[in-house]
Amino acid sequence: MGHSAAEAAAFRAPDSHLLLDYHHAVVERIRHYVLHTLSEEDLERKVDSPTLRQTATVQRRLVGIISEGLQHVGQAAYGRGLLKGHGGLGR
């Protein structure tokens, strides 16, 4: 977000093992937060999002984060299909 076309073109993805390690660490941190830190009362607490420029409940932000993650998984799967020559919608 906010990168120029040249900066985006110059980006090189890190090693897949590094990405998987990062993913596992993030999942574990989220799991710990939800199971050991977050309370039911916290879900209704209002939080500001400087990126979205809005206020929402913790519950709404968590649902948004999960939804966004699922969208990225779909985008990655679509990109993988394109690289394998399957094109859009399996064509």
N, C-alpha and C. Protein backbone atom coordinates (compact mmCIF):
# COMPACT_ATOMS: atom_id res chain seq x y z
N MET A 1 0.85 -1.17 0.00
CA MET A 1 0.00 0.00 0.00
C MET A 1 0.89 1.22 0.00
N GLY A 2 0.71 2.06 -0.99
CA GLY A 2 1.49 3.27 -1.08
C GLY A 2 2.81 3.13 -1.81
N HIS A 3 3.06 1.97 -2.40
CA HIS A 3 4.31 1.77 -3.13
C HIS A 3 4.14 2.21 -4.58
N SER A 4 5.23 2.65 -5.17
CA SER A 4 5.21 3.00 -6.58
C SER A 4 5.22 1.72 -7.42
N ALA A 5 4.94 1.86 -8.71
CA ALA A 5 4.98 0.71 -9.61
C ALA A 5 6.39 0.11 -9.64
N ALA A 6 7.40 0.95 -9.62
CA ALA A 6 8.78 0.47 -9.65
C ALA A 6 9.13 -0.29 -8.36
N GLU A 7 8.66 0.22 -7.22
CA GLU A 7 8.92 -0.47 -5.96
C GLU A 7 8.21 -1.82 -5.93
N ALA A 8 6.98 -1.88 -6.42
CA ALA A 8 6.25 -3.15 -6.45
C ALA A 8 6.94 -4.13 -7.38
N ALA A 9 7.43 -3.67 -8.53
CA ALA A 9 8.11 -4.55 -9.49
C ALA A 9 9.43 -5.06 -8.93
N ALA A 10 10.07 -4.28 -8.07
CA ALA A 10 11.37 -4.67 -7.51
C ALA A 10 11.24 -5.64 -6.34
N PHE A 11 10.02 -5.82 -5.84
CA PHE A 11 9.82 -6.70 -4.68
C PHE A 11 10.13 -8.15 -5.04
N ARG A 12 10.84 -8.82 -4.16
CA ARG A 12 11.12 -10.25 -4.31
C ARG A 12 10.62 -10.94 -3.04
N ALA A 13 9.79 -11.94 -3.22
CA ALA A 13 9.20 -12.66 -2.09
C ALA A 13 10.29 -13.38 -1.30
N PRO A 14 10.16 -13.40 0.03
CA PRO A 14 11.12 -14.15 0.84
C PRO A 14 10.98 -15.66 0.59
N ASP A 15 11.93 -16.39 1.06
CA ASP A 15 11.94 -17.85 0.98
C ASP A 15 10.63 -18.40 1.57
N SER A 16 10.08 -19.43 0.97
CA SER A 16 8.80 -19.99 1.43
C SER A 16 8.88 -20.52 2.87
N HIS A 17 10.03 -21.04 3.27
CA HIS A 17 10.18 -21.53 4.65
C HIS A 17 10.09 -20.38 5.64
N LEU A 18 10.67 -19.24 5.29
CA LEU A 18 10.59 -18.06 6.14
C LEU A 18 9.14 -17.59 6.26
N LEU A 19 8.42 -17.59 5.15
CA LEU A 19 7.01 -17.18 5.18
C LEU A 19 6.18 -18.14 6.04
N LEU A 20 6.43 -19.44 5.92
CA LEU A 20 5.68 -20.40 6.72
C LEU A 20 6.00 -20.26 8.20
N ASP A 21 7.26 -20.03 8.52
CA ASP A 21 7.65 -19.81 9.92
C ASP A 21 6.94 -18.58 10.47
N TYR A 22 6.91 -17.52 9.68
CA TYR A 22 6.23 -16.29 10.09
C TYR A 22 4.73 -16.57 10.31
N HIS A 23 4.13 -17.27 9.36
CA HIS A 23 2.70 -17.61 9.46
C HIS A 23 2.42 -18.37 10.75
N HIS A 24 3.21 -19.39 11.04
CA HIS A 24 3.00 -20.20 12.25
C HIS A 24 3.16 -19.36 13.51
N ALA A 25 4.13 -18.46 13.52
CA ALA A 25 4.34 -17.58 14.68
C ALA A 25 3.15 -16.65 14.89
N VAL A 26 2.62 -16.10 13.80
CA VAL A 26 1.46 -15.20 13.90
C VAL A 26 0.23 -15.96 14.39
N VAL A 27 0.00 -17.13 13.84
CA VAL A 27 -1.15 -17.94 14.27
C VAL A 27 -1.05 -18.27 15.75
N GLU A 28 0.13 -18.63 16.21
CA GLU A 28 0.30 -18.95 17.63
C GLU A 28 0.08 -17.73 18.51
N ARG A 29 0.53 -16.58 18.08
CA ARG A 29 0.32 -15.36 18.85
C ARG A 29 -1.16 -15.00 18.93
N ILE A 30 -1.85 -15.13 17.81
CA ILE A 30 -3.30 -14.86 17.79
C ILE A 30 -4.02 -15.85 18.69
N ARG A 31 -3.67 -17.11 18.58
CA ARG A 31 -4.29 -18.16 19.40
C ARG A 31 -4.11 -17.86 20.89
N HIS A 32 -2.91 -17.49 21.27
CA HIS A 32 -2.64 -17.17 22.68
C HIS A 32 -3.47 -15.96 23.12
N TYR A 33 -3.53 -14.93 22.28
CA TYR A 33 -4.29 -13.73 22.61
C TYR A 33 -5.77 -14.06 22.81
N VAL A 34 -6.34 -14.80 21.87
CA VAL A 34 -7.78 -15.12 21.93
C VAL A 34 -8.09 -16.02 23.13
N LEU A 35 -7.25 -17.02 23.38
CA LEU A 35 -7.53 -17.98 24.44
C LEU A 35 -7.14 -17.51 25.84
N HIS A 36 -6.10 -16.66 25.94
CA HIS A 36 -5.57 -16.33 27.26
C HIS A 36 -5.64 -14.86 27.65
N THR A 37 -5.93 -13.97 26.71
CA THR A 37 -5.92 -12.55 27.01
C THR A 37 -7.29 -11.92 26.79
N LEU A 38 -7.90 -12.22 25.68
CA LEU A 38 -9.17 -11.62 25.29
C LEU A 38 -10.31 -12.13 26.17
N SER A 39 -11.13 -11.19 26.67
CA SER A 39 -12.31 -11.59 27.45
C SER A 39 -13.56 -11.30 26.63
N GLU A 40 -14.66 -11.86 27.05
CA GLU A 40 -15.93 -11.62 26.35
C GLU A 40 -16.29 -10.13 26.37
N GLU A 41 -15.97 -9.46 27.49
CA GLU A 41 -16.25 -8.03 27.59
C GLU A 41 -15.41 -7.23 26.59
N ASP A 42 -14.20 -7.71 26.32
CA ASP A 42 -13.33 -7.02 25.37
C ASP A 42 -13.94 -6.94 23.97
N LEU A 43 -14.75 -7.92 23.62
CA LEU A 43 -15.31 -7.96 22.27
C LEU A 43 -16.16 -6.74 21.95
N GLU A 44 -16.78 -6.14 22.96
CA GLU A 44 -17.63 -4.96 22.73
C GLU A 44 -16.87 -3.64 22.86
N ARG A 45 -15.59 -3.71 23.26
CA ARG A 45 -14.78 -2.50 23.42
C ARG A 45 -14.54 -1.85 22.07
N LYS A 46 -14.64 -0.52 22.03
CA LYS A 46 -14.42 0.23 20.80
C LYS A 46 -12.92 0.49 20.62
N VAL A 47 -12.46 0.32 19.39
CA VAL A 47 -11.06 0.59 19.06
C VAL A 47 -11.01 1.42 17.78
N ASP A 48 -10.01 2.28 17.70
CA ASP A 48 -9.81 3.09 16.51
C ASP A 48 -8.88 2.37 15.54
N SER A 49 -9.13 2.55 14.27
CA SER A 49 -8.26 2.00 13.24
C SER A 49 -7.73 3.15 12.41
N PRO A 50 -6.46 3.53 12.61
CA PRO A 50 -5.91 4.64 11.84
C PRO A 50 -5.89 4.34 10.34
N THR A 51 -5.68 3.09 9.98
CA THR A 51 -5.63 2.72 8.56
C THR A 51 -7.00 2.87 7.91
N LEU A 52 -8.04 2.38 8.59
CA LEU A 52 -9.40 2.45 8.04
C LEU A 52 -10.09 3.76 8.37
N ARG A 53 -9.49 4.54 9.27
CA ARG A 53 -10.06 5.82 9.72
C ARG A 53 -11.49 5.65 10.23
N GLN A 54 -11.65 4.64 11.10
CA GLN A 54 -12.96 4.40 11.69
C GLN A 54 -12.82 3.74 13.05
N THR A 55 -13.91 3.78 13.81
CA THR A 55 -13.96 3.12 15.10
C THR A 55 -14.90 1.93 14.99
N ALA A 56 -14.51 0.82 15.57
CA ALA A 56 -15.33 -0.39 15.55
C ALA A 56 -15.08 -1.16 16.83
N THR A 57 -15.90 -2.17 17.08
CA THR A 57 -15.67 -3.01 18.25
C THR A 57 -14.53 -3.99 17.95
N VAL A 58 -13.94 -4.51 19.00
CA VAL A 58 -12.88 -5.52 18.85
C VAL A 58 -13.43 -6.70 18.06
N GLN A 59 -14.66 -7.11 18.35
CA GLN A 59 -15.27 -8.23 17.64
C GLN A 59 -15.33 -7.94 16.14
N ARG A 60 -15.75 -6.75 15.77
CA ARG A 60 -15.87 -6.39 14.35
C ARG A 60 -14.50 -6.38 13.68
N ARG A 61 -13.49 -5.89 14.39
CA ARG A 61 -12.14 -5.86 13.83
C ARG A 61 -11.60 -7.28 13.64
N LEU A 62 -11.87 -8.18 14.61
CA LEU A 62 -11.42 -9.56 14.46
C LEU A 62 -12.09 -10.24 13.28
N VAL A 63 -13.38 -10.01 13.10
CA VAL A 63 -14.09 -10.58 11.95
C VAL A 63 -13.51 -10.02 10.65
N GLY A 64 -13.20 -8.73 10.63
CA GLY A 64 -12.60 -8.12 9.46
C GLY A 64 -11.24 -8.70 9.13
N ILE A 65 -10.43 -8.94 10.15
CA ILE A 65 -9.10 -9.51 9.94
C ILE A 65 -9.21 -10.93 9.38
N ILE A 66 -10.12 -11.72 9.93
CA ILE A 66 -10.32 -13.09 9.42
C ILE A 66 -10.80 -13.04 7.97
N SER A 67 -11.76 -12.17 7.69
CA SER A 67 -12.29 -12.04 6.33
C SER A 67 -11.20 -11.63 5.34
N GLU A 68 -10.39 -10.67 5.73
CA GLU A 68 -9.31 -10.22 4.85
C GLU A 68 -8.30 -11.34 4.61
N GLY A 69 -8.00 -12.10 5.66
CA GLY A 69 -7.08 -13.23 5.50
C GLY A 69 -7.61 -14.25 4.50
N LEU A 70 -8.90 -14.54 4.58
CA LEU A 70 -9.50 -15.49 3.66
C LEU A 70 -9.49 -14.96 2.22
N GLN A 71 -9.68 -13.65 2.07
CA GLN A 71 -9.62 -13.07 0.73
C GLN A 71 -8.21 -13.23 0.14
N HIS A 72 -7.18 -13.02 0.97
CA HIS A 72 -5.81 -13.17 0.50
C HIS A 72 -5.51 -14.61 0.12
N VAL A 73 -6.05 -15.57 0.85
CA VAL A 73 -5.87 -16.97 0.49
C VAL A 73 -6.48 -17.22 -0.89
N GLY A 74 -7.66 -16.68 -1.13
CA GLY A 74 -8.29 -16.82 -2.44
C GLY A 74 -7.47 -16.17 -3.54
N GLN A 75 -6.92 -14.99 -3.26
CA GLN A 75 -6.08 -14.31 -4.25
C GLN A 75 -4.83 -15.13 -4.56
N ALA A 76 -4.23 -15.70 -3.53
CA ALA A 76 -3.03 -16.52 -3.73
C ALA A 76 -3.37 -17.76 -4.57
N ALA A 77 -4.52 -18.38 -4.29
CA ALA A 77 -4.93 -19.56 -5.06
C ALA A 77 -5.19 -19.19 -6.52
N TYR A 78 -5.79 -18.05 -6.74
CA TYR A 78 -6.04 -17.58 -8.10
C TYR A 78 -4.71 -17.35 -8.83
N GLY A 79 -3.77 -16.67 -8.15
CA GLY A 79 -2.46 -16.43 -8.74
C GLY A 79 -1.74 -17.73 -9.06
N ARG A 80 -1.85 -18.69 -8.16
CA ARG A 80 -1.22 -19.99 -8.40
C ARG A 80 -1.82 -20.66 -9.63
N GLY A 81 -3.12 -20.56 -9.77
CA GLY A 81 -3.77 -21.12 -10.96
C GLY A 81 -3.30 -20.45 -12.24
N LEU A 82 -3.13 -19.13 -12.19
CA LEU A 82 -2.63 -18.42 -13.37
C LEU A 82 -1.22 -18.88 -13.73
N LEU A 83 -0.38 -19.05 -12.70
CA LEU A 83 0.99 -19.48 -12.96
C LEU A 83 1.05 -20.90 -13.53
N LYS A 84 0.09 -21.72 -13.15
CA LYS A 84 0.05 -23.10 -13.65
C LYS A 84 -0.68 -23.19 -14.99
N GLY A 85 -1.15 -22.04 -15.50
CA GLY A 85 -1.79 -22.02 -16.81
C GLY A 85 -3.25 -22.39 -16.82
N HIS A 86 -3.90 -22.30 -15.65
CA HIS A 86 -5.32 -22.65 -15.59
C HIS A 86 -6.21 -21.46 -15.92
N GLY A 87 -5.68 -20.26 -15.88
CA GLY A 87 -6.47 -19.07 -16.21
C GLY A 87 -7.56 -18.81 -15.19
N GLY A 88 -8.39 -17.83 -15.48
CA GLY A 88 -9.48 -17.47 -14.59
C GLY A 88 -10.60 -18.48 -14.62
N LEU A 89 -11.20 -18.74 -13.51
CA LEU A 89 -12.35 -19.64 -13.37
C LEU A 89 -12.10 -21.02 -13.95
N GLY A 90 -10.85 -21.49 -13.84
CA GLY A 90 -10.52 -22.85 -14.27
C GLY A 90 -10.38 -23.02 -15.76
N ARG A 91 -10.31 -21.92 -16.50
CA ARG A 91 -10.22 -22.03 -17.96
C ARG A 91 -8.79 -22.04 -18.43
